[in-house]
């Protein structure tokens, strides 16, 4: 009994159904080569995304340091209780 594949490998091209995986079915070695070549950019992309997330987090933490309260000037607001007694 064959299990149905929910993802079809057939596409319509010039009104004909073409199996886009036929070249891989004929040569499993070719599929291994393509898979190994596709792995490098995928892992590289994951590493770049991880480094980018770390850098953006560091930028966010540095911007919080800029706006931290102890580095802002002290503003002298008039005391509303003492204003009425003058």
C-alpha atoms as a PDB file:
ATOM      1  CA  UNK A   1       0.000   0.000   0.000  1.00  0.00           C
ATOM      2  CA  UNK A   2       1.438   3.338  -1.066  1.00  0.00           C
ATOM      3  CA  UNK A   3       1.073   6.367   1.194  1.00  0.00           C
ATOM      4  CA  UNK A   4      -0.221   9.459  -0.571  1.00  0.00           C
ATOM      5  CA  UNK A   5       2.176  12.403  -0.582  1.00  0.00           C
ATOM      6  CA  UNK A   6       0.363  15.649   0.313  1.00  0.00           C
ATOM      7  CA  UNK A   7       2.996  17.691  -1.544  1.00  0.00           C
ATOM      8  CA  UNK A   8       2.882  17.019  -5.240  1.00  0.00           C
ATOM      9  CA  UNK A   9       6.112  16.971  -7.214  1.00  0.00           C
ATOM     10  CA  UNK A  10       4.238  17.553 -10.459  1.00  0.00           C
ATOM     11  CA  UNK A  11       3.802  20.973 -12.043  1.00  0.00           C
ATOM     12  CA  UNK A  12       2.071  22.072 -15.219  1.00  0.00           C
ATOM     13  CA  UNK A  13       4.488  23.284 -17.842  1.00  0.00           C
ATOM     14  CA  UNK A  14       3.333  23.960 -21.420  1.00  0.00           C
ATOM     15  CA  UNK A  15       0.088  22.104 -20.688  1.00  0.00           C
ATOM     16  CA  UNK A  16       2.014  19.001 -19.610  1.00  0.00           C
ATOM     17  CA  UNK A  17       2.516  17.596 -16.146  1.00  0.00           C
ATOM     18  CA  UNK A  18       6.220  17.479 -15.355  1.00  0.00           C
ATOM     19  CA  UNK A  19       7.745  15.711 -12.363  1.00  0.00           C
ATOM     20  CA  UNK A  20      10.187  18.222 -10.896  1.00  0.00           C
ATOM     21  CA  UNK A  21      11.879  15.519  -8.816  1.00  0.00           C
ATOM     22  CA  UNK A  22      12.477  13.097 -11.696  1.00  0.00           C
ATOM     23  CA  UNK A  23      16.169  13.971 -11.929  1.00  0.00           C
ATOM     24  CA  UNK A  24      16.598  13.157  -8.228  1.00  0.00           C
ATOM     25  CA  UNK A  25      14.705   9.883  -8.553  1.00  0.00           C
ATOM     26  CA  UNK A  26      17.130   8.783 -11.243  1.00  0.00           C
ATOM     27  CA  UNK A  27      20.245   9.716  -9.291  1.00  0.00           C
ATOM     28  CA  UNK A  28      20.166   9.563  -5.473  1.00  0.00           C
ATOM     29  CA  UNK A  29      23.782  10.724  -5.442  1.00  0.00           C
ATOM     30  CA  UNK A  30      22.761  13.932  -7.189  1.00  0.00           C
ATOM     31  CA  UNK A  31      20.132  14.509  -4.519  1.00  0.00           C
ATOM     32  CA  UNK A  32      22.766  14.040  -1.792  1.00  0.00           C
ATOM     33  CA  UNK A  33      25.021  16.592  -3.453  1.00  0.00           C
ATOM     34  CA  UNK A  34      22.216  19.161  -3.743  1.00  0.00           C
ATOM     35  CA  UNK A  35      21.184  18.529  -0.153  1.00  0.00           C
ATOM     36  CA  UNK A  36      24.719  18.998   1.134  1.00  0.00           C
ATOM     37  CA  UNK A  37      25.105  22.186  -0.921  1.00  0.00           C
ATOM     38  CA  UNK A  38      21.804  23.546   0.403  1.00  0.00           C
ATOM     39  CA  UNK A  39      22.800  22.842   4.005  1.00  0.00           C
ATOM     40  CA  UNK A  40      25.678  25.332   4.047  1.00  0.00           C
ATOM     41  CA  UNK A  41      23.588  28.467   3.296  1.00  0.00           C
ATOM     42  CA  UNK A  42      20.854  27.295   5.643  1.00  0.00           C
ATOM     43  CA  UNK A  43      23.215  26.873   8.597  1.00  0.00           C
ATOM     44  CA  UNK A  44      24.966  30.125   7.666  1.00  0.00           C
ATOM     45  CA  UNK A  45      21.627  31.926   7.649  1.00  0.00           C
ATOM     46  CA  UNK A  46      20.772  30.587  11.080  1.00  0.00           C
ATOM     47  CA  UNK A  47      24.134  31.729  12.456  1.00  0.00           C
ATOM     48  CA  UNK A  48      23.769  35.188  10.900  1.00  0.00           C
ATOM     49  CA  UNK A  49      20.236  35.536  12.298  1.00  0.00           C
ATOM     50  CA  UNK A  50      21.469  34.524  15.758  1.00  0.00           C
ATOM     51  CA  UNK A  51      24.326  37.053  15.652  1.00  0.00           C
ATOM     52  CA  UNK A  52      21.972  39.757  14.371  1.00  0.00           C
ATOM     53  CA  UNK A  53      19.565  39.096  17.240  1.00  0.00           C
ATOM     54  CA  UNK A  54      22.423  39.382  19.747  1.00  0.00           C
ATOM     55  CA  UNK A  55      23.603  42.668  18.227  1.00  0.00           C
ATOM     56  CA  UNK A  56      20.097  44.150  18.196  1.00  0.00           C
ATOM     57  CA  UNK A  57      19.674  43.153  21.829  1.00  0.00           C
ATOM     58  CA  UNK A  58      22.970  44.869  22.702  1.00  0.00           C
ATOM     59  CA  UNK A  59      21.870  48.010  20.866  1.00  0.00           C
ATOM     60  CA  UNK A  60      18.603  47.967  22.825  1.00  0.00           C
ATOM     61  CA  UNK A  61      20.432  47.627  26.134  1.00  0.00           C
ATOM     62  CA  UNK A  62      22.779  50.479  25.228  1.00  0.00           C
ATOM     63  CA  UNK A  63      19.863  52.723  24.324  1.00  0.00           C
ATOM     64  CA  UNK A  64      18.303  51.973  27.728  1.00  0.00           C
ATOM     65  CA  UNK A  65      21.546  53.150  29.353  1.00  0.00           C
ATOM     66  CA  UNK A  66      21.282  56.463  27.522  1.00  0.00           C
ATOM     67  CA  UNK A  67      17.790  57.112  28.868  1.00  0.00           C
ATOM     68  CA  UNK A  68      18.413  55.834  32.389  1.00  0.00           C
ATOM     69  CA  UNK A  69      17.243  58.196  35.145  1.00  0.00           C
ATOM     70  CA  UNK A  70      20.565  58.850  36.911  1.00  0.00           C
ATOM     71  CA  UNK A  71      22.044  60.431  33.784  1.00  0.00           C
ATOM     72  CA  UNK A  72      19.183  62.846  33.219  1.00  0.00           C
ATOM     73  CA  UNK A  73      19.314  66.337  34.759  1.00  0.00           C
ATOM     74  CA  UNK A  74      17.303  66.978  37.902  1.00  0.00           C
ATOM     75  CA  UNK A  75      14.337  69.220  37.158  1.00  0.00           C
ATOM     76  CA  UNK A  76      13.240  71.600  39.921  1.00  0.00           C
ATOM     77  CA  UNK A  77       9.462  71.543  39.975  1.00  0.00           C
ATOM     78  CA  UNK A  78       7.693  73.958  42.297  1.00  0.00           C
ATOM     79  CA  UNK A  79       6.122  72.314  45.323  1.00  0.00           C
ATOM     80  CA  UNK A  80       2.323  72.877  45.110  1.00  0.00           C
ATOM     81  CA  UNK A  81       1.936  72.745  48.923  1.00  0.00           C
ATOM     82  CA  UNK A  82       4.481  75.549  49.548  1.00  0.00           C
ATOM     83  CA  UNK A  83       3.120  77.770  46.747  1.00  0.00           C
ATOM     84  CA  UNK A  84      -0.110  78.492  48.581  1.00  0.00           C
ATOM     85  CA  UNK A  85       1.679  79.547  51.785  1.00  0.00           C
ATOM     86  CA  UNK A  86       3.846  82.283  50.195  1.00  0.00           C
END
